[in-house]
Amino acid sequence: MFTLINWPIAVGLTVALWLIVLLLQRTGLRRLLPKKIGPIDIMTPIMWWTIGSVSFQHWQRTGLPELWFFVIMVGLALAIWQGFWLQKFQAKKFWFLWWRIVDLVTIVATIGVLVLALVL
């Protein structure tokens, strides 16, 4: 799956798809999705595919398991922090905050993998 499309083309497709999602969100897609779902929420799985494609084609090793492990550990730390430190765990607040952290980590990881692939 990761070697189906050459990685520079995959990056270009990801950027083009992100622009299309942004355009659709500005025009007509806004009414179809809930208010709190943004373009980055839709693009997160696609950026995971891009990370896997670039890292596998460049280094013959995908970096997704490590990224997912990091995201799960951040989720556990966030749950422990909300439950034990703040003494009030709210599932809705936890999932919202955790997904925003996943989005941020995915963007940083995508940029990092692209920079490393271009430099190395």
PDB file of N, CA and C in Angstrom:
ATOM      1  N   MET A   1       0.818  -1.189   0.000  1.00  0.00           N
ATOM      2  CA  MET A   1       0.000   0.000   0.000  1.00  0.00           C
ATOM      3  C   MET A   1       0.868   1.262   0.000  1.00  0.00           C
ATOM      4  N   PHE A   2       1.943   1.232   0.788  1.00  0.00           N
ATOM      5  CA  PHE A   2       2.767   2.428   0.893  1.00  0.00           C
ATOM      6  C   PHE A   2       3.599   2.674  -0.355  1.00  0.00           C
ATOM      7  N   THR A   3       3.827   1.653  -1.164  1.00  0.00           N
ATOM      8  CA  THR A   3       4.654   1.821  -2.354  1.00  0.00           C
ATOM      9  C   THR A   3       3.826   1.960  -3.622  1.00  0.00           C
ATOM     10  N   LEU A   4       2.531   2.142  -3.481  1.00  0.00           N
ATOM     11  CA  LEU A   4       1.655   2.256  -4.640  1.00  0.00           C
ATOM     12  C   LEU A   4       1.947   3.526  -5.444  1.00  0.00           C
ATOM     13  N   ILE A   5       2.199   4.629  -4.748  1.00  0.00           N
ATOM     14  CA  ILE A   5       2.454   5.913  -5.399  1.00  0.00           C
ATOM     15  C   ILE A   5       3.806   6.421  -4.906  1.00  0.00           C
ATOM     16  N   ASN A   6       4.602   6.976  -5.807  1.00  0.00           N
ATOM     17  CA  ASN A   6       5.891   7.540  -5.438  1.00  0.00           C
ATOM     18  C   ASN A   6       5.683   8.652  -4.403  1.00  0.00           C
ATOM     19  N   TRP A   7       6.573   8.768  -3.427  1.00  0.00           N
ATOM     20  CA  TRP A   7       6.309   9.653  -2.294  1.00  0.00           C
ATOM     21  C   TRP A   7       6.211  11.130  -2.647  1.00  0.00           C
ATOM     22  N   PRO A   8       6.962  11.681  -3.618  1.00  0.00           N
ATOM     23  CA  PRO A   8       6.713  13.094  -3.950  1.00  0.00           C
ATOM     24  C   PRO A   8       5.309  13.329  -4.524  1.00  0.00           C
ATOM     25  N   ILE A   9       4.825  12.353  -5.279  1.00  0.00           N
ATOM     26  CA  ILE A   9       3.461  12.467  -5.801  1.00  0.00           C
ATOM     27  C   ILE A   9       2.454  12.351  -4.664  1.00  0.00           C
ATOM     28  N   ALA A  10       2.715  11.470  -3.705  1.00  0.00           N
ATOM     29  CA  ALA A  10       1.820  11.317  -2.556  1.00  0.00           C
ATOM     30  C   ALA A  10       1.748  12.601  -1.741  1.00  0.00           C
ATOM     31  N   VAL A  11       2.875  13.271  -1.581  1.00  0.00           N
ATOM     32  CA  VAL A  11       2.880  14.542  -0.851  1.00  0.00           C
ATOM     33  C   VAL A  11       2.088  15.593  -1.628  1.00  0.00           C
ATOM     34  N   GLY A  12       2.281  15.636  -2.923  1.00  0.00           N
ATOM     35  CA  GLY A  12       1.514  16.571  -3.750  1.00  0.00           C
ATOM     36  C   GLY A  12       0.024  16.293  -3.704  1.00  0.00           C
ATOM     37  N   LEU A  13      -0.362  15.014  -3.734  1.00  0.00           N
ATOM     38  CA  LEU A  13      -1.774  14.658  -3.618  1.00  0.00           C
ATOM     39  C   LEU A  13      -2.345  15.041  -2.262  1.00  0.00           C
ATOM     40  N   THR A  14      -1.549  14.880  -1.218  1.00  0.00           N
ATOM     41  CA  THR A  14      -2.012  15.256   0.116  1.00  0.00           C
ATOM     42  C   THR A  14      -2.254  16.754   0.210  1.00  0.00           C
ATOM     43  N   VAL A  15      -1.336  17.539  -0.315  1.00  0.00           N
ATOM     44  CA  VAL A  15      -1.507  18.998  -0.299  1.00  0.00           C
ATOM     45  C   VAL A  15      -2.714  19.405  -1.142  1.00  0.00           C
ATOM     46  N   ALA A  16      -2.860  18.797  -2.314  1.00  0.00           N
ATOM     47  CA  ALA A  16      -4.006  19.120  -3.171  1.00  0.00           C
ATOM     48  C   ALA A  16      -5.320  18.735  -2.502  1.00  0.00           C
ATOM     49  N   LEU A  17      -5.345  17.567  -1.862  1.00  0.00           N
ATOM     50  CA  LEU A  17      -6.560  17.139  -1.171  1.00  0.00           C
ATOM     51  C   LEU A  17      -6.874  18.054   0.008  1.00  0.00           C
ATOM     52  N   TRP A  18      -5.832  18.513   0.708  1.00  0.00           N
ATOM     53  CA  TRP A  18      -6.052  19.437   1.824  1.00  0.00           C
ATOM     54  C   TRP A  18      -6.670  20.748   1.307  1.00  0.00           C
ATOM     55  N   LEU A  19      -6.162  21.248   0.189  1.00  0.00           N
ATOM     56  CA  LEU A  19      -6.727  22.468  -0.383  1.00  0.00           C
ATOM     57  C   LEU A  19      -8.174  22.265  -0.825  1.00  0.00           C
ATOM     58  N   ILE A  20      -8.475  21.093  -1.380  1.00  0.00           N
ATOM     59  CA  ILE A  20      -9.854  20.797  -1.775  1.00  0.00           C
ATOM     60  C   ILE A  20     -10.761  20.730  -0.555  1.00  0.00           C
ATOM     61  N   VAL A  21     -10.303  20.091   0.512  1.00  0.00           N
ATOM     62  CA  VAL A  21     -11.105  20.013   1.740  1.00  0.00           C
ATOM     63  C   VAL A  21     -11.315  21.404   2.326  1.00  0.00           C
ATOM     64  N   LEU A  22     -10.277  22.240   2.308  1.00  0.00           N
ATOM     65  CA  LEU A  22     -10.434  23.617   2.790  1.00  0.00           C
ATOM     66  C   LEU A  22     -11.449  24.382   1.956  1.00  0.00           C
ATOM     67  N   LEU A  23     -11.376  24.217   0.648  1.00  0.00           N
ATOM     68  CA  LEU A  23     -12.321  24.894  -0.240  1.00  0.00           C
ATOM     69  C   LEU A  23     -13.751  24.401  -0.020  1.00  0.00           C
ATOM     70  N   LEU A  24     -13.916  23.084   0.094  1.00  0.00           N
ATOM     71  CA  LEU A  24     -15.249  22.539   0.342  1.00  0.00           C
ATOM     72  C   LEU A  24     -15.790  22.954   1.702  1.00  0.00           C
ATOM     73  N   GLN A  25     -14.900  23.054   2.674  1.00  0.00           N
ATOM     74  CA  GLN A  25     -15.338  23.471   4.005  1.00  0.00           C
ATOM     75  C   GLN A  25     -15.782  24.921   3.998  1.00  0.00           C
ATOM     76  N   ARG A  26     -15.162  25.732   3.178  1.00  0.00           N
ATOM     77  CA  ARG A  26     -15.541  27.143   3.078  1.00  0.00           C
ATOM     78  C   ARG A  26     -16.835  27.349   2.305  1.00  0.00           C
ATOM     79  N   THR A  27     -17.132  26.411   1.403  1.00  0.00           N
ATOM     80  CA  THR A  27     -18.311  26.602   0.561  1.00  0.00           C
ATOM     81  C   THR A  27     -19.502  25.780   1.042  1.00  0.00           C
ATOM     82  N   GLY A  28     -19.554  24.493   0.750  1.00  0.00           N
ATOM     83  CA  GLY A  28     -20.768  23.746   1.011  1.00  0.00           C
ATOM     84  C   GLY A  28     -20.656  22.638   2.028  1.00  0.00           C
ATOM     85  N   LEU A  29     -19.449  22.205   2.329  1.00  0.00           N
ATOM     86  CA  LEU A  29     -19.283  21.088   3.249  1.00  0.00           C
ATOM     87  C   LEU A  29     -19.576  21.475   4.695  1.00  0.00           C
ATOM     88  N   ARG A  30     -19.573  22.741   4.988  1.00  0.00           N
ATOM     89  CA  ARG A  30     -19.792  23.237   6.343  1.00  0.00           C
ATOM     90  C   ARG A  30     -21.130  22.753   6.905  1.00  0.00           C
ATOM     91  N   ARG A  31     -22.142  22.696   6.050  1.00  0.00           N
ATOM     92  CA  ARG A  31     -23.468  22.280   6.509  1.00  0.00           C
ATOM     93  C   ARG A  31     -23.566  20.782   6.718  1.00  0.00           C
ATOM     94  N   LEU A  32     -22.699  20.001   6.076  1.00  0.00           N
ATOM     95  CA  LEU A  32     -22.769  18.543   6.174  1.00  0.00           C
ATOM     96  C   LEU A  32     -22.050  17.993   7.404  1.00  0.00           C
ATOM     97  N   LEU A  33     -21.067  18.711   7.914  1.00  0.00           N
ATOM     98  CA  LEU A  33     -20.277  18.237   9.042  1.00  0.00           C
ATOM     99  C   LEU A  33     -20.652  18.971  10.321  1.00  0.00           C
ATOM    100  N   PRO A  34     -20.436  18.340  11.468  1.00  0.00           N
ATOM    101  CA  PRO A  34     -20.636  19.064  12.724  1.00  0.00           C
ATOM    102  C   PRO A  34     -19.691  20.260  12.827  1.00  0.00           C
ATOM    103  N   LYS A  35     -20.046  21.219  13.684  1.00  0.00           N
ATOM    104  CA  LYS A  35     -19.278  22.466  13.777  1.00  0.00           C
ATOM    105  C   LYS A  35     -17.841  22.255  14.230  1.00  0.00           C
ATOM    106  N   LYS A  36     -17.600  21.290  15.095  1.00  0.00           N
ATOM    107  CA  LYS A  36     -16.271  21.134  15.680  1.00  0.00           C
ATOM    108  C   LYS A  36     -15.308  20.324  14.815  1.00  0.00           C
ATOM    109  N   ILE A  37     -15.775  19.790  13.700  1.00  0.00           N
ATOM    110  CA  ILE A  37     -14.884  19.046  12.814  1.00  0.00           C
ATOM    111  C   ILE A  37     -14.295  20.007  11.795  1.00  0.00           C
ATOM    112  N   GLY A  38     -12.973  20.077  11.771  1.00  0.00           N
ATOM    113  CA  GLY A  38     -12.285  20.961  10.846  1.00  0.00           C
ATOM    114  C   GLY A  38     -11.596  20.185   9.741  1.00  0.00           C
ATOM    115  N   PRO A  39     -10.993  20.888   8.829  1.00  0.00           N
ATOM    116  CA  PRO A  39     -10.280  20.222   7.725  1.00  0.00           C
ATOM    117  C   PRO A  39      -9.131  19.348   8.207  1.00  0.00           C
ATOM    118  N   ILE A  40      -8.463  19.744   9.265  1.00  0.00           N
ATOM    119  CA  ILE A  40      -7.339  18.942   9.761  1.00  0.00           C
ATOM    120  C   ILE A  40      -7.826  17.604  10.312  1.00  0.00           C
ATOM    121  N   ASP A  41      -9.043  17.565  10.856  1.00  0.00           N
ATOM    122  CA  ASP A  41      -9.590  16.310  11.350  1.00  0.00           C
ATOM    123  C   ASP A  41      -9.822  15.319  10.216  1.00  0.00           C
ATOM    124  N   ILE A  42     -10.210  15.813   9.079  1.00  0.00           N
ATOM    125  CA  ILE A  42     -10.423  14.962   7.912  1.00  0.00           C
ATOM    126  C   ILE A  42      -9.079  14.535   7.323  1.00  0.00           C
ATOM    127  N   MET A  43      -8.086  15.398   7.397  1.00  0.00           N
ATOM    128  CA  MET A  43      -6.799  15.127   6.771  1.00  0.00           C
ATOM    129  C   MET A  43      -5.860  14.269   7.614  1.00  0.00           C
ATOM    130  N   THR A  44      -6.148  14.058   8.876  1.00  0.00           N
ATOM    131  CA  THR A  44      -5.238  13.308   9.751  1.00  0.00           C
ATOM    132  C   THR A  44      -4.965  11.895   9.234  1.00  0.00           C
ATOM    133  N   PRO A  45      -5.968  11.065   8.896  1.00  0.00           N
ATOM    134  CA  PRO A  45      -5.633   9.738   8.356  1.00  0.00           C
ATOM    135  C   PRO A  45      -4.868   9.794   7.035  1.00  0.00           C
ATOM    136  N   ILE A  46      -5.139  10.789   6.223  1.00  0.00           N
ATOM    137  CA  ILE A  46      -4.424  10.924   4.951  1.00  0.00           C
ATOM    138  C   ILE A  46      -2.969  11.303   5.203  1.00  0.00           C
ATOM    139  N   MET A  47      -2.740  12.140   6.205  1.00  0.00           N
ATOM    140  CA  MET A  47      -1.353  12.492   6.546  1.00  0.00           C
ATOM    141  C   MET A  47      -0.631  11.296   7.160  1.00  0.00           C
ATOM    142  N   TRP A  48      -1.347  10.418   7.872  1.00  0.00           N
ATOM    143  CA  TRP A  48      -0.723   9.181   8.357  1.00  0.00           C
ATOM    144  C   TRP A  48      -0.260   8.332   7.177  1.00  0.00           C
ATOM    145  N   TRP A  49      -1.090   8.265   6.131  1.00  0.00           N
ATOM    146  CA  TRP A  49      -0.698   7.510   4.943  1.00  0.00           C
ATOM    147  C   TRP A  49       0.527   8.149   4.292  1.00  0.00           C
ATOM    148  N   THR A  50       0.575   9.459   4.252  1.00  0.00           N
ATOM    149  CA  THR A  50       1.725  10.154   3.667  1.00  0.00           C
ATOM    150  C   THR A  50       2.989   9.885   4.473  1.00  0.00           C
ATOM    151  N   ILE A  51       2.882   9.919   5.799  1.00  0.00           N
ATOM    152  CA  ILE A  51       4.040   9.607   6.645  1.00  0.00           C
ATOM    153  C   ILE A  51       4.527   8.197   6.360  1.00  0.00           C
ATOM    154  N   GLY A  52       3.612   7.242   6.296  1.00  0.00           N
ATOM    155  CA  GLY A  52       3.988   5.864   6.004  1.00  0.00           C
ATOM    156  C   GLY A  52       4.597   5.711   4.624  1.00  0.00           C
ATOM    157  N   SER A  53       4.044   6.398   3.647  1.00  0.00           N
ATOM    158  CA  SER A  53       4.550   6.320   2.280  1.00  0.00           C
ATOM    159  C   SER A  53       5.958   6.889   2.177  1.00  0.00           C
ATOM    160  N   VAL A  54       6.144   8.081   2.715  1.00  0.00           N
ATOM    161  CA  VAL A  54       7.465   8.726   2.629  1.00  0.00           C
ATOM    162  C   VAL A  54       8.507   7.930   3.394  1.00  0.00           C
ATOM    163  N   SER A  55       8.198   7.545   4.622  1.00  0.00           N
ATOM    164  CA  SER A  55       9.200   6.843   5.426  1.00  0.00           C
ATOM    165  C   SER A  55       9.502   5.455   4.867  1.00  0.00           C
ATOM    166  N   PHE A  56       8.497   4.756   4.362  1.00  0.00           N
ATOM    167  CA  PHE A  56       8.758   3.418   3.817  1.00  0.00           C
ATOM    168  C   PHE A  56       9.546   3.484   2.515  1.00  0.00           C
ATOM    169  N   GLN A  57       9.208   4.403   1.647  1.00  0.00           N
ATOM    170  CA  GLN A  57       9.914   4.484   0.371  1.00  0.00           C
ATOM    171  C   GLN A  57      11.310   5.070   0.519  1.00  0.00           C
ATOM    172  N   HIS A  58      11.517   5.886   1.520  1.00  0.00           N
ATOM    173  CA  HIS A  58      12.829   6.519   1.666  1.00  0.00           C
ATOM    174  C   HIS A  58      13.771   5.674   2.519  1.00  0.00           C
ATOM    175  N   TRP A  59      13.250   5.086   3.621  1.00  0.00           N
ATOM    176  CA  TRP A  59      14.108   4.341   4.544  1.00  0.00           C
ATOM    177  C   TRP A  59      13.750   2.861   4.635  1.00  0.00           C
ATOM    178  N   GLN A  60      12.786   2.385   3.848  1.00  0.00           N
ATOM    179  CA  GLN A  60      12.300   1.013   3.878  1.00  0.00           C
ATOM    180  C   GLN A  60      11.814   0.599   5.277  1.00  0.00           C
ATOM    181  N   ARG A  61      11.273   1.540   5.988  1.00  0.00           N
ATOM    182  CA  ARG A  61      10.732   1.314   7.328  1.00  0.00           C
ATOM    183  C   ARG A  61       9.683   2.380   7.584  1.00  0.00           C
ATOM    184  N   THR A  62       8.503   1.964   8.006  1.00  0.00           N
ATOM    185  CA  THR A  62       7.458   2.934   8.268  1.00  0.00           C
ATOM    186  C   THR A  62       7.556   3.442   9.704  1.00  0.00           C
ATOM    187  N   GLY A  63       7.209   4.682   9.905  1.00  0.00           N
ATOM    188  CA  GLY A  63       7.274   5.267  11.237  1.00  0.00           C
ATOM    189  C   GLY A  63       5.938   5.340  11.931  1.00  0.00           C
ATOM    190  N   LEU A  64       4.917   4.715  11.357  1.00  0.00           N
ATOM    191  CA  LEU A  64       3.582   4.822  11.935  1.00  0.00           C
ATOM    192  C   LEU A  64       3.413   4.123  13.280  1.00  0.00           C
ATOM    193  N   PRO A  65       3.956   2.920  13.493  1.00  0.00           N
ATOM    194  CA  PRO A  65       3.760   2.309  14.819  1.00  0.00           C
ATOM    195  C   PRO A  65       4.315   3.161  15.953  1.00  0.00           C
ATOM    196  N   GLU A  66       5.452   3.780  15.736  1.00  0.00           N
ATOM    197  CA  GLU A  66       6.020   4.637  16.772  1.00  0.00           C
ATOM    198  C   GLU A  66       5.149   5.873  17.007  1.00  0.00           C
ATOM    199  N   LEU A  67       4.623   6.437  15.919  1.00  0.00           N
ATOM    200  CA  LEU A  67       3.742   7.602  16.047  1.00  0.00           C
ATOM    201  C   LEU A  67       2.473   7.237  16.794  1.00  0.00           C
ATOM    202  N   TRP A  68       1.859   6.104  16.453  1.00  0.00           N
ATOM    203  CA  TRP A  68       0.637   5.686  17.127  1.00  0.00           C
ATOM    204  C   TRP A  68       0.900   5.355  18.590  1.00  0.00           C
ATOM    205  N   PHE A  69       2.056   4.730  18.896  1.00  0.00           N
ATOM    206  CA  PHE A  69       2.412   4.448  20.276  1.00  0.00           C
ATOM    207  C   PHE A  69       2.553   5.751  21.067  1.00  0.00           C
ATOM    208  N   PHE A  70       3.190   6.744  20.468  1.00  0.00           N
ATOM    209  CA  PHE A  70       3.339   8.047  21.122  1.00  0.00           C
ATOM    210  C   PHE A  70       1.983   8.685  21.380  1.00  0.00           C
ATOM    211  N   VAL A  71       1.090   8.600  20.409  1.00  0.00           N
ATOM    212  CA  VAL A  71      -0.236   9.198  20.556  1.00  0.00           C
ATOM    213  C   VAL A  71      -1.021   8.501  21.663  1.00  0.00           C
ATOM    214  N   ILE A  72      -0.916   7.172  21.736  1.00  0.00           N
ATOM    215  CA  ILE A  72      -1.606   6.436  22.805  1.00  0.00           C
ATOM    216  C   ILE A  72      -1.023   6.796  24.163  1.00  0.00           C
ATOM    217  N   MET A  73       0.287   6.927  24.259  1.00  0.00           N
ATOM    218  CA  MET A  73       0.903   7.302  25.533  1.00  0.00           C
ATOM    219  C   MET A  73       0.499   8.712  25.962  1.00  0.00           C
ATOM    220  N   VAL A  74       0.386   9.617  25.009  1.00  0.00           N
ATOM    221  CA  VAL A  74      -0.087  10.967  25.329  1.00  0.00           C
ATOM    222  C   VAL A  74      -1.525  10.916  25.824  1.00  0.00           C
ATOM    223  N   GLY A  75      -2.345  10.067  25.206  1.00  0.00           N
ATOM    224  CA  GLY A  75      -3.724   9.902  25.659  1.00  0.00           C
ATOM    225  C   GLY A  75      -3.810   9.352  27.070  1.00  0.00           C
ATOM    226  N   LEU A  76      -2.969   8.376  27.379  1.00  0.00           N
ATOM    227  CA  LEU A  76      -2.947   7.843  28.743  1.00  0.00           C
ATOM    228  C   LEU A  76      -2.480   8.896  29.749  1.00  0.00           C
ATOM    229  N   ALA A  77      -1.450   9.640  29.378  1.00  0.00           N
ATOM    230  CA  ALA A  77      -0.971  10.700  30.268  1.00  0.00           C
ATOM    231  C   ALA A  77      -2.033  11.767  30.474  1.00  0.00           C
ATOM    232  N   LEU A  78      -2.750  12.110  29.425  1.00  0.00           N
ATOM    233  CA  LEU A  78      -3.821  13.094  29.537  1.00  0.00           C
ATOM    234  C   LEU A  78      -4.947  12.587  30.428  1.00  0.00           C
ATOM    235  N   ALA A  79      -5.304  11.309  30.293  1.00  0.00           N
ATOM    236  CA  ALA A  79      -6.352  10.729  31.143  1.00  0.00           C
ATOM    237  C   ALA A  79      -5.916  10.702  32.605  1.00  0.00           C
ATOM    238  N   ILE A  80      -4.678  10.332  32.855  1.00  0.00           N
ATOM    239  CA  ILE A  80      -4.171  10.321  34.244  1.00  0.00           C
ATOM    240  C   ILE A  80      -4.129  11.735  34.797  1.00  0.00           C
ATOM    241  N   TRP A  81      -3.700  12.684  33.990  1.00  0.00           N
ATOM    242  CA  TRP A  81      -3.652  14.075  34.442  1.00  0.00           C
ATOM    243  C   TRP A  81      -5.040  14.596  34.792  1.00  0.00           C
ATOM    244  N   GLN A  82      -6.015  14.335  33.909  1.00  0.00           N
ATOM    245  CA  GLN A  82      -7.366  14.811  34.190  1.00  0.00           C
ATOM    246  C   GLN A  82      -7.992  14.071  35.364  1.00  0.00           C
ATOM    247  N   GLY A  83      -7.724  12.781  35.474  1.00  0.00           N
ATOM    248  CA  GLY A  83      -8.365  11.990  36.518  1.00  0.00           C
ATOM    249  C   GLY A  83      -7.764  12.173  37.892  1.00  0.00           C
ATOM    250  N   PHE A  84      -6.451  12.182  37.973  1.00  0.00           N
ATOM    251  CA  PHE A  84      -5.809  12.224  39.284  1.00  0.00           C
ATOM    252  C   PHE A  84      -5.355  13.615  39.697  1.00  0.00           C
ATOM    253  N   TRP A  85      -4.846  14.391  38.759  1.00  0.00           N
ATOM    254  CA  TRP A  85      -4.340  15.710  39.112  1.00  0.00           C
ATOM    255  C   TRP A  85      -5.476  16.725  39.251  1.00  0.00           C
ATOM    256  N   LEU A  86      -6.347  16.779  38.276  1.00  0.00           N
ATOM    257  CA  LEU A  86      -7.458  17.737  38.307  1.00  0.00           C
ATOM    258  C   LEU A  86      -8.651  17.218  39.097  1.00  0.00           C
ATOM    259  N   GLN A  87      -8.709  15.907  39.333  1.00  0.00           N
ATOM    260  CA  GLN A  87      -9.796  15.261  40.075  1.00  0.00           C
ATOM    261  C   GLN A  87     -11.155  15.413  39.404  1.00  0.00           C
ATOM    262  N   LYS A  88     -11.173  15.647  38.103  1.00  0.00           N
ATOM    263  CA  LYS A  88     -12.441  15.662  37.368  1.00  0.00           C
ATOM    264  C   LYS A  88     -12.175  15.233  35.925  1.00  0.00           C
ATOM    265  N   PHE A  89     -12.550  13.995  35.659  1.00  0.00           N
ATOM    266  CA  PHE A  89     -12.374  13.450  34.322  1.00  0.00           C
ATOM    267  C   PHE A  89     -13.698  13.577  33.581  1.00  0.00           C
ATOM    268  N   GLN A  90     -13.661  14.268  32.458  1.00  0.00           N
ATOM    269  CA  GLN A  90     -14.835  14.398  31.607  1.00  0.00           C
ATOM    270  C   GLN A  90     -14.486  13.788  30.258  1.00  0.00           C
ATOM    271  N   ALA A  91     -15.219  12.749  29.890  1.00  0.00           N
ATOM    272  CA  ALA A  91     -14.889  12.004  28.677  1.00  0.00           C
ATOM    273  C   ALA A  91     -14.959  12.884  27.430  1.00  0.00           C
ATOM    274  N   LYS A  92     -15.968  13.734  27.346  1.00  0.00           N
ATOM    275  CA  LYS A  92     -16.117  14.590  26.162  1.00  0.00           C
ATOM    276  C   LYS A  92     -14.930  15.554  26.027  1.00  0.00           C
ATOM    277  N   LYS A  93     -14.532  16.143  27.138  1.00  0.00           N
ATOM    278  CA  LYS A  93     -13.385  17.055  27.123  1.00  0.00           C
ATOM    279  C   LYS A  93     -12.102  16.299  26.812  1.00  0.00           C
ATOM    280  N   PHE A  94     -11.964  15.085  27.368  1.00  0.00           N
ATOM    281  CA  PHE A  94     -10.779  14.273  27.108  1.00  0.00           C
ATOM    282  C   PHE A  94     -10.639  13.951  25.619  1.00  0.00           C
ATOM    283  N   TRP A  95     -11.709  13.435  24.999  1.00  0.00           N
ATOM    284  CA  TRP A  95     -11.636  13.052  23.591  1.00  0.00           C
ATOM    285  C   TRP A  95     -11.371  14.248  22.701  1.00  0.00           C
ATOM    286  N   PHE A  96     -11.999  15.381  23.012  1.00  0.00           N
ATOM    287  CA  PHE A  96     -11.769  16.587  22.212  1.00  0.00           C
ATOM    288  C   PHE A  96     -10.314  17.030  22.319  1.00  0.00           C
ATOM    289  N   LEU A  97      -9.783  17.129  23.520  1.00  0.00           N
ATOM    290  CA  LEU A  97      -8.401  17.571  23.713  1.00  0.00           C
ATOM    291  C   LEU A  97      -7.418  16.565  23.132  1.00  0.00           C
ATOM    292  N   TRP A  98      -7.694  15.280  23.318  1.00  0.00           N
ATOM    293  CA  TRP A  98      -6.791  14.253  22.806  1.00  0.00           C
ATOM    294  C   TRP A  98      -6.749  14.281  21.283  1.00  0.00           C
ATOM    295  N   TRP A  99      -7.902  14.468  20.634  1.00  0.00           N
ATOM    296  CA  TRP A  99      -7.900  14.495  19.175  1.00  0.00           C
ATOM    297  C   TRP A  99      -7.172  15.732  18.645  1.00  0.00           C
ATOM    298  N   ARG A 100      -7.269  16.848  19.347  1.00  0.00           N
ATOM    299  CA  ARG A 100      -6.516  18.041  18.935  1.00  0.00           C
ATOM    300  C   ARG A 100      -5.012  17.799  19.064  1.00  0.00           C
ATOM    301  N   ILE A 101      -4.604  17.083  20.113  1.00  0.00           N
ATOM    302  CA  ILE A 101      -3.186  16.735  20.266  1.00  0.00           C
ATOM    303  C   ILE A 101      -2.748  15.800  19.143  1.00  0.00           C
ATOM    304  N   VAL A 102      -3.597  14.834  18.777  1.00  0.00           N
ATOM    305  CA  VAL A 102      -3.292  13.920  17.669  1.00  0.00           C
ATOM    306  C   VAL A 102      -3.119  14.710  16.377  1.00  0.00           C
ATOM    307  N   ASP A 103      -3.994  15.676  16.143  1.00  0.00           N
ATOM    308  CA  ASP A 103      -3.873  16.508  14.941  1.00  0.00           C
ATOM    309  C   ASP A 103      -2.547  17.258  14.923  1.00  0.00           C
ATOM    310  N   LEU A 104      -2.201  17.867  16.039  1.00  0.00           N
ATOM    311  CA  LEU A 104      -0.953  18.635  16.119  1.00  0.00           C
ATOM    312  C   LEU A 104       0.263  17.736  15.929  1.00  0.00           C
ATOM    313  N   VAL A 105       0.282  16.590  16.585  1.00  0.00           N
ATOM    314  CA  VAL A 105       1.409  15.661  16.459  1.00  0.00           C
ATOM    315  C   VAL A 105       1.518  15.150  15.022  1.00  0.00           C
ATOM    316  N   THR A 106       0.384  14.915  14.380  1.00  0.00           N
ATOM    317  CA  THR A 106       0.403  14.438  13.001  1.00  0.00           C
ATOM    318  C   THR A 106       0.989  15.485  12.054  1.00  0.00           C
ATOM    319  N   ILE A 107       0.619  16.741  12.240  1.00  0.00           N
ATOM    320  CA  ILE A 107       1.174  17.799  11.400  1.00  0.00           C
ATOM    321  C   ILE A 107       2.677  17.926  11.611  1.00  0.00           C
ATOM    322  N   VAL A 108       3.119  17.933  12.865  1.00  0.00           N
ATOM    323  CA  VAL A 108       4.548  18.055  13.169  1.00  0.00           C
ATOM    324  C   VAL A 108       5.315  16.850  12.630  1.00  0.00           C
ATOM    325  N   ALA A 109       4.758  15.648  12.790  1.00  0.00           N
ATOM    326  CA  ALA A 109       5.430  14.450  12.291  1.00  0.00           C
ATOM    327  C   ALA A 109       5.506  14.449  10.767  1.00  0.00           C
ATOM    328  N   THR A 110       4.457  14.889  10.106  1.00  0.00           N
ATOM    329  CA  THR A 110       4.476  14.945   8.636  1.00  0.00           C
ATOM    330  C   THR A 110       5.542  15.910   8.146  1.00  0.00           C
ATOM    331  N   ILE A 111       5.586  17.087   8.738  1.00  0.00           N
ATOM    332  CA  ILE A 111       6.612  18.069   8.343  1.00  0.00           C
ATOM    333  C   ILE A 111       7.999  17.542   8.657  1.00  0.00           C
ATOM    334  N   GLY A 112       8.167  16.918   9.821  1.00  0.00           N
ATOM    335  CA  GLY A 112       9.471  16.359  10.203  1.00  0.00           C
ATOM    336  C   GLY A 112       9.935  15.274   9.252  1.00  0.00           C
ATOM    337  N   VAL A 113       9.036  14.353   8.899  1.00  0.00           N
ATOM    338  CA  VAL A 113       9.412  13.276   7.980  1.00  0.00           C
ATOM    339  C   VAL A 113       9.749  13.835   6.599  1.00  0.00           C
ATOM    340  N   LEU A 114       9.005  14.807   6.141  1.00  0.00           N
ATOM    341  CA  LEU A 114       9.287  15.418   4.831  1.00  0.00           C
ATOM    342  C   LEU A 114      10.634  16.130   4.830  1.00  0.00           C
ATOM    343  N   VAL A 115      10.933  16.868   5.890  1.00  0.00           N
ATOM    344  CA  VAL A 115      12.216  17.558   5.977  1.00  0.00           C
ATOM    345  C   VAL A 115      13.355  16.547   6.016  1.00  0.00           C
ATOM    346  N   LEU A 116      13.207  15.490   6.828  1.00  0.00           N
ATOM    347  CA  LEU A 116      14.255  14.472   6.889  1.00  0.00           C
ATOM    348  C   LEU A 116      14.432  13.749   5.557  1.00  0.00           C
ATOM    349  N   ALA A 117      13.349  13.506   4.861  1.00  0.00           N
ATOM    350  CA  ALA A 117      13.451  12.828   3.571  1.00  0.00           C
ATOM    351  C   ALA A 117      14.142  13.712   2.534  1.00  0.00           C
ATOM    352  N   LEU A 118      13.913  15.000   2.602  1.00  0.00           N
ATOM    353  CA  LEU A 118      14.574  15.902   1.652  1.00  0.00           C
ATOM    354  C   LEU A 118      16.032  16.145   1.999  1.00  0.00           C
ATOM    355  N   VAL A 119      16.362  16.158   3.294  1.00  0.00           N
ATOM    356  CA  VAL A 119      17.724  16.446   3.715  1.00  0.00           C
ATOM    357  C   VAL A 119      18.607  15.217   3.611  1.00  0.00           C
ATOM    358  N   LEU A 120      18.095  14.066   4.055  1.00  0.00           N
ATOM    359  CA  LEU A 120      18.938  12.862   4.069  1.00  0.00           C
ATOM    360  C   LEU A 120      18.932  12.170   2.758  1.00  0.00           C
TER     361      LEU A 120
END
